[in-house]
Protein backbone atom coordinates (compact mmCIF):
# COMPACT_ATOMS: atom_id res chain seq x y z
CA MET A 1 133.34 62.56 -106.76
CA ASN A 2 133.09 58.85 -105.39
CA LYS A 3 136.70 56.78 -105.61
CA VAL A 4 135.93 53.46 -106.88
CA GLU A 5 138.60 50.70 -104.55
CA ILE A 6 137.36 47.85 -106.16
CA LEU A 7 136.32 47.89 -110.09
CA ILE A 8 133.73 45.11 -111.13
CA ILE A 9 133.28 44.20 -114.79
CA SER A 10 130.39 42.06 -115.71
CA ASP A 11 127.04 41.68 -117.46
CA THR A 12 123.36 42.75 -115.69
CA MET A 13 122.55 38.80 -116.08
CA ASP A 14 126.03 37.42 -114.46
CA PHE A 15 124.39 35.92 -111.43
CA THR A 16 127.63 34.69 -110.12
CA THR A 17 128.92 38.30 -109.93
CA ASP A 18 125.44 39.38 -107.97
CA TYR A 19 127.05 37.32 -104.85
CA ILE A 20 130.46 39.01 -105.08
CA CYS A 21 128.52 42.19 -104.73
CA LEU A 22 126.21 41.28 -101.98
CA GLU A 23 129.47 39.92 -100.02
CA LEU A 24 131.26 43.63 -100.72
CA GLN A 25 127.95 45.11 -99.58
CA ARG A 26 128.42 43.16 -96.26
CA ARG A 27 131.53 44.58 -95.75
CA ASN A 28 130.93 47.69 -96.69
CA ALA A 29 133.38 47.87 -99.44
CA SER A 30 134.10 50.57 -101.49
CA TYR A 31 133.12 49.10 -105.30
CA LEU A 32 131.64 49.78 -108.65
CA ARG A 33 129.86 47.27 -110.93
CA ILE A 34 129.84 48.20 -114.59
CA ASN A 35 127.50 45.60 -116.83
CA ARG A 36 128.72 45.31 -120.35
CA ASP A 37 125.37 45.38 -121.69
CA LYS A 38 124.90 48.80 -120.27
CA PHE A 39 127.50 50.56 -121.67
CA GLN A 40 125.41 53.02 -123.38
CA ASP A 41 124.22 54.12 -120.17
CA TYR A 42 127.07 55.10 -118.81
CA ARG A 43 129.34 58.21 -119.55
CA ILE A 44 132.93 57.00 -119.71
CA VAL A 45 136.12 58.86 -119.79
CA LEU A 46 139.94 57.29 -119.57
CA GLY A 47 142.67 59.36 -119.53
CA ILE A 48 146.21 57.63 -120.05
CA GLY A 49 148.47 60.15 -118.11
CA GLU A 50 148.22 58.25 -114.68
CA PRO A 51 145.61 56.33 -115.81
CA VAL A 52 142.64 57.78 -114.62
CA LEU A 53 138.79 56.37 -115.34
CA ASN A 54 135.90 58.69 -115.09
CA ILE A 55 132.32 57.42 -114.86
CA THR A 56 129.35 58.80 -114.29
CA VAL A 57 126.17 56.08 -113.77
CA ASN A 58 122.37 57.95 -113.29
CA SER A 59 124.40 61.06 -112.55
CA LYS A 60 126.30 59.80 -109.90
CA LYS A 61 130.19 60.80 -110.86
CA TYR A 62 132.91 57.97 -110.14
CA ILE A 63 136.85 58.04 -110.57
CA ALA A 64 139.21 55.03 -110.41
CA ASP A 65 142.90 56.02 -110.71
CA ASN A 66 146.50 54.20 -109.38
CA GLN A 67 145.92 55.59 -105.91
CA SER A 68 142.56 54.70 -105.48
CA LEU A 69 141.76 51.20 -107.35
CA LYS A 70 143.19 48.71 -105.62
CA ALA A 71 141.26 45.36 -107.68
CA ILE A 72 139.42 44.56 -110.52
CA TYR A 73 137.12 41.69 -110.81
CA TYR A 74 136.89 40.68 -114.19
CA ARG A 75 133.82 38.82 -115.26
CA ALA A 76 133.72 39.88 -119.17
CA PRO A 77 134.77 37.12 -122.01
CA ILE A 78 138.17 37.80 -124.12
CA TYR A 79 136.15 36.20 -127.09
CA LEU A 80 132.78 36.57 -128.48
CA HIS A 81 131.31 33.11 -128.42
CA ASP A 82 128.41 33.88 -130.13
CA THR A 83 129.95 34.90 -133.41
CA PHE A 84 126.35 34.20 -135.38
CA LYS A 85 124.55 37.06 -134.77
CA PRO A 86 122.33 37.70 -138.30
CA ASN A 87 120.74 41.06 -138.74
CA LEU A 88 122.95 43.14 -136.21
CA SER A 89 123.17 46.48 -137.18
CA TYR A 90 125.86 48.59 -137.63
CA ASP A 91 125.38 50.45 -133.88
CA GLU A 92 125.05 46.61 -132.49
CA GLN A 93 128.51 45.70 -134.36
CA LEU A 94 130.10 48.87 -133.26
CA TYR A 95 129.40 48.23 -129.71
CA ARG A 96 130.27 44.95 -129.34
CA SER A 97 133.41 45.43 -131.06
CA GLN A 98 134.47 48.82 -129.55
CA TRP A 99 133.37 48.30 -125.99
CA THR A 100 135.34 44.98 -126.04
CA ALA A 101 138.51 46.91 -126.80
CA PHE A 102 137.70 49.38 -124.23
CA LEU A 103 138.01 46.46 -121.78
CA ARG A 104 141.23 45.49 -122.87
CA ASN A 105 142.66 48.96 -122.83
CA LEU A 106 142.11 48.85 -119.09
CA VAL A 107 145.16 47.06 -118.16
CA LEU A 108 146.29 50.12 -118.00
CA PHE A 109 145.64 49.87 -114.45
CA GLU A 110 148.58 47.41 -114.02
CA ASN A 111 149.18 48.87 -110.06
CA ALA A 112 145.74 47.13 -109.35
CA LYS A 113 144.75 43.18 -108.45
CA TRP A 114 143.15 42.03 -111.35
CA MET A 115 141.21 38.47 -111.20
CA ASN A 116 141.69 37.97 -113.77
CA ASN A 117 143.76 40.27 -116.24
CA PRO A 118 142.53 40.03 -119.54
CA ILE A 119 145.79 39.61 -120.94
CA SER A 120 146.72 36.56 -118.86
CA THR A 121 142.95 35.18 -119.48
CA PHE A 122 143.60 35.13 -123.33
CA LYS A 123 146.78 32.93 -122.98
CA ALA A 124 144.62 30.69 -120.65
CA GLU A 125 142.03 29.96 -122.17
CA ASN A 126 143.75 27.88 -124.60
CA LYS A 127 143.50 24.04 -124.07
CA MET A 128 146.92 23.23 -125.46
CA VAL A 129 149.08 25.75 -123.74
CA GLN A 130 146.91 24.58 -120.38
CA LEU A 131 147.99 20.84 -121.13
CA LYS A 132 151.52 22.17 -121.90
CA TYR A 133 152.05 23.81 -118.28
CA ALA A 134 149.98 21.01 -116.75
CA ARG A 135 152.61 18.47 -117.49
CA LYS A 136 155.29 20.73 -116.68
CA ILE A 137 154.38 20.94 -113.32
CA GLY A 138 153.97 17.26 -113.15
CA LEU A 139 149.95 16.67 -113.36
CA LYS A 140 149.21 13.66 -115.24
CA CYS A 141 147.01 14.65 -118.70
CA PRO A 142 144.83 12.30 -120.81
CA ARG A 143 146.73 11.50 -124.21
CA THR A 144 145.34 14.66 -126.67
CA LEU A 145 145.65 15.56 -130.41
CA LEU A 146 144.84 18.69 -131.94
CA LEU A 147 143.79 17.68 -135.33
CA ASN A 148 141.06 17.98 -138.44
CA SER A 149 142.53 14.43 -139.92
CA VAL A 150 142.67 11.13 -138.39
CA GLU A 151 144.57 9.67 -141.42
CA GLU A 152 148.13 9.48 -140.21
CA VAL A 153 146.84 8.70 -136.58
CA PRO A 154 146.57 4.96 -135.54
CA LEU A 155 143.08 5.01 -134.07
CA ASP A 156 142.18 1.50 -132.80
CA LYS A 157 138.62 1.38 -134.31
CA ASP A 158 136.97 -0.44 -131.33
CA ALA A 159 138.29 1.77 -128.73
CA ASN A 160 136.68 5.04 -127.23
CA TYR A 161 137.81 8.63 -127.09
CA ILE A 162 136.52 11.73 -125.88
CA MET A 163 136.10 13.98 -128.97
CA LYS A 164 135.47 18.25 -127.44
CA SER A 165 135.82 21.48 -129.61
CA LEU A 166 138.81 23.49 -129.22
CA ASP A 167 137.06 26.60 -127.69
CA THR A 168 133.45 27.10 -126.37
CA VAL A 169 130.82 26.33 -129.47
CA LEU A 170 127.58 28.34 -129.51
CA LEU A 171 125.49 27.72 -132.86
CA LYS A 172 122.73 29.26 -134.23
CA GLN A 173 120.52 28.41 -136.93
CA ASN A 174 116.98 30.28 -137.60
CA ASP A 175 115.54 29.56 -134.05
CA LYS A 176 117.31 26.84 -133.05
CA GLU A 177 120.73 27.42 -130.72
CA SER A 178 123.30 24.52 -130.10
CA PHE A 179 126.03 24.06 -127.57
CA VAL A 180 128.21 21.62 -128.16
CA TYR A 181 129.34 19.30 -125.50
CA SER A 182 132.56 16.73 -125.09
CA THR A 183 131.15 13.58 -126.61
CA VAL A 184 132.41 10.07 -126.48
CA VAL A 185 133.14 8.57 -129.69
CA THR A 186 134.58 4.97 -131.31
CA GLY A 187 137.80 4.92 -133.41
CA GLU A 188 135.57 3.79 -136.28
CA GLU A 189 133.72 6.88 -135.99
CA LEU A 190 136.14 8.84 -135.92
CA MET A 191 137.79 7.37 -139.13
CA THR A 192 134.40 7.87 -141.01
CA SER A 193 133.84 11.36 -140.02
CA ARG A 194 134.32 14.54 -142.16
CA LEU A 195 136.90 16.31 -139.93
CA THR A 196 138.41 18.87 -142.15
CA VAL A 197 136.07 21.56 -141.48
CA ALA A 198 137.05 22.75 -138.16
CA PRO A 199 140.05 21.60 -135.80
CA LEU A 200 138.87 19.47 -133.05
CA VAL A 201 140.57 18.03 -129.79
CA ILE A 202 140.56 14.28 -129.49
CA GLN A 203 141.56 12.50 -126.00
CA GLU A 204 141.92 9.32 -124.39
CA TYR A 205 138.95 8.03 -122.95
CA LEU A 206 139.50 7.32 -119.19
CA TYR A 207 136.26 5.42 -117.59
CA PRO A 208 135.66 4.22 -114.81
CA LYS A 209 135.97 7.67 -113.60
CA VAL A 210 135.00 10.56 -111.41
CA ASP A 211 134.71 13.88 -112.26
CA LEU A 212 136.30 16.77 -109.40
CA ARG A 213 135.69 20.45 -110.12
CA VAL A 214 138.32 22.17 -108.50
CA THR A 215 138.25 25.81 -107.38
CA VAL A 216 141.36 27.66 -107.08
CA VAL A 217 141.12 31.43 -105.39
CA GLU A 218 145.12 31.87 -105.01
CA ASP A 219 146.16 29.80 -102.50
CA LYS A 220 142.69 28.38 -101.62
CA VAL A 221 141.26 25.24 -102.96
CA PHE A 222 137.70 24.23 -102.85
CA THR A 223 136.89 20.55 -104.60
CA VAL A 224 133.82 18.98 -105.23
CA LYS A 225 133.26 15.15 -106.66
CA ILE A 226 130.40 14.86 -109.10
CA ILE A 227 128.79 11.57 -108.73
CA LYS A 228 125.16 10.24 -109.88
CA ASP A 229 123.46 7.47 -108.19
CA GLY A 230 126.66 7.33 -106.37
CA ILE A 231 129.21 6.50 -108.74
CA GLY A 232 131.00 8.75 -111.65
CA VAL A 233 128.95 9.70 -114.93
CA GLU A 234 129.71 8.71 -118.09
CA GLY A 235 131.00 11.19 -120.65
CA ASP A 236 130.26 14.64 -120.28
CA TRP A 237 128.66 15.29 -116.41
CA ARG A 238 127.15 18.98 -117.89
CA LYS A 239 124.62 17.00 -119.76
CA GLU A 240 123.45 15.30 -116.36
CA LYS A 241 123.75 18.49 -114.31
CA GLU A 242 120.30 18.49 -113.10
CA ASN A 243 120.83 15.15 -111.63
CA VAL A 244 124.08 14.69 -109.92
CA ASP A 245 125.76 15.33 -106.72
CA PHE A 246 128.21 17.82 -105.67
CA ILE A 247 130.23 16.40 -102.65
CA GLU A 248 132.68 18.63 -101.43
CA ILE A 249 136.12 16.35 -100.70
CA ASP A 250 140.07 17.12 -99.95
CA LEU A 251 141.86 16.67 -102.57
CA PRO A 252 145.53 14.89 -101.69
CA GLU A 253 148.01 17.86 -100.87
CA ASP A 254 150.38 17.37 -103.38
CA ILE A 255 147.33 17.48 -106.21
CA GLN A 256 146.32 20.73 -104.52
CA LYS A 257 149.47 22.28 -104.56
CA LYS A 258 149.51 21.31 -108.46
CA CYS A 259 146.25 23.40 -108.42
CA ILE A 260 147.21 26.09 -107.38
CA GLN A 261 150.78 25.92 -109.39
CA ILE A 262 148.69 26.08 -112.61
CA VAL A 263 146.63 28.73 -112.08
CA SER A 264 149.42 31.11 -110.70
CA HIS A 265 152.21 29.98 -113.48
CA LEU A 266 149.15 31.05 -116.25
CA GLY A 267 149.20 34.58 -114.56
CA LEU A 268 145.89 33.78 -112.68
CA SER A 269 144.62 34.84 -109.24
CA PHE A 270 141.10 32.48 -110.20
CA GLY A 271 140.52 29.27 -112.22
CA GLY A 272 138.24 26.51 -112.33
CA ILE A 273 139.75 23.32 -112.93
CA ASP A 274 138.29 20.08 -114.39
CA LEU A 275 140.15 16.80 -112.78
CA ILE A 276 139.29 13.32 -113.28
CA LEU A 277 140.10 10.70 -111.27
CA ASN A 278 140.37 7.37 -112.54
CA ASN A 279 142.28 4.19 -111.19
CA GLU A 280 143.16 6.02 -108.17
CA THR A 281 145.42 8.61 -110.61
CA TYR A 282 144.19 12.38 -110.99
CA TYR A 283 144.64 13.52 -114.55
CA PHE A 284 144.10 17.27 -115.46
CA ILE A 285 141.71 18.22 -118.31
CA GLU A 286 141.16 21.85 -118.05
CA VAL A 287 141.08 25.09 -116.58
CA ASN A 288 138.78 27.89 -116.91
CA PRO A 289 139.81 31.65 -116.31
CA THR A 290 136.20 32.42 -115.86
CA GLY A 291 134.52 29.41 -114.80
CA GLU A 292 131.36 29.66 -113.08
CA TRP A 293 131.14 28.88 -109.58
CA ALA A 294 127.72 30.24 -107.95
CA TRP A 295 126.02 26.88 -108.28
CA LEU A 296 129.05 25.44 -105.56
CA VAL A 297 127.61 27.99 -103.64
CA ASN A 298 124.37 26.71 -103.90
CA LYS A 299 124.43 23.25 -104.02
CA SER A 300 127.77 22.54 -102.06
CA GLY A 301 127.93 25.64 -99.39
CA LEU A 302 131.87 26.06 -100.73
CA LYS A 303 132.77 29.92 -99.45
CA ILE A 304 134.16 30.93 -102.75
CA ASP A 305 132.17 34.20 -102.89
CA ARG A 306 134.04 35.25 -99.58
CA ALA A 307 137.48 33.77 -100.50
CA ILE A 308 137.28 36.05 -104.03
CA CYS A 309 136.24 38.97 -101.78
CA ASP A 310 139.30 38.34 -99.22
CA SER A 311 141.32 38.39 -102.15
CA LEU A 312 139.86 41.81 -103.87
CA GLN A 313 140.42 43.43 -100.47
CA VAL A 314 143.98 42.06 -99.29
CA SER A 315 145.61 45.17 -100.58
CA ILE A 316 143.03 47.90 -99.25
C-alpha cells in the first residue's frame, strides 16, 4: 500500500498541472495525481472515521489519511461552466454531478494544506465578493455595478464602459462554440440594449492602461505587465494573447502586500490577480483562485511551479 503525501486533483488535458508533477518528480516527492475525466478507471473508497481515502489505479493501491496526507493541490472547477451539453446520456450526467460532489467532500481532510480549498474557492470566485475584500484592504477598484437594467442608472451616452459576464460563459449552439470576453461599449449602446435576460457587470473604462497579471503563491508574488508594441492593450488583452508581450516587473511593496492580503483574506494560498495601471494608479480588477499560470513560466520564465511545490511540501 502506497502512502500519499501530496494529492493532486486535475484533468488529463490540464498541462498546467503537468508542470507541478514534473517538479515533484524532480524532487522525488510522494504524490498521486487523479484526473476528473478518468474516475471510472479508478477504484475509490472514502471512509469518514479518520478519514481514509483508498484509491486503486492500474492495480496499484494508494492510501491517504490524516497522518500521511500533507497537502492537496486542487485544479478542479467548482462550477461546471459548460452547462449546455446536449444529448448527454444518463450515465454521463450522473458521472458529472456525482464525481463533482465527491471532490467537494474531500474537504474532510481538514489537516491537509489545500491549494485551494474548494469551499474557499467557491466564495472567492464571486466577482462582487472579491471587490468588497479588495476595497476593504485598501486596493482601488473601478466603479462597478451588477445589473440587468440601466433604466435607473445615470449613464453618459458618450462615455465608454467595460461590460463583462458575472461568471465564465461558454455557449454552444449546433457545432459553434462561443466564449464571452470583456467588451468596451458606449453608454448609448447600453441604454439601447436588451439586458434583462441575464445579470452582467458594468465597470468604468480605464484607459490608457497597462494590464498586470499578479500570481500570488502564499507570500510570493510574481508580476508581469502585458503590452503590445510597447504600450497597453485597449479592451480585453486576451483577444490579443498571441500578439502581446509578458514582461516581468516588480510591483510597489505596498501593492504586493495588498495582493497577498486579498488572497489570504479569501482563504486561498494561490490566486491569479488582474490589476490595471492607469495614470500611475493601480486598480484591482479580479482574482482567479484557479487561474492559469503555465504560459507565464513559458513566456516569462517565472518560477511559479517551484513556488507552488515549495508550498505543497512545506509541512512534509
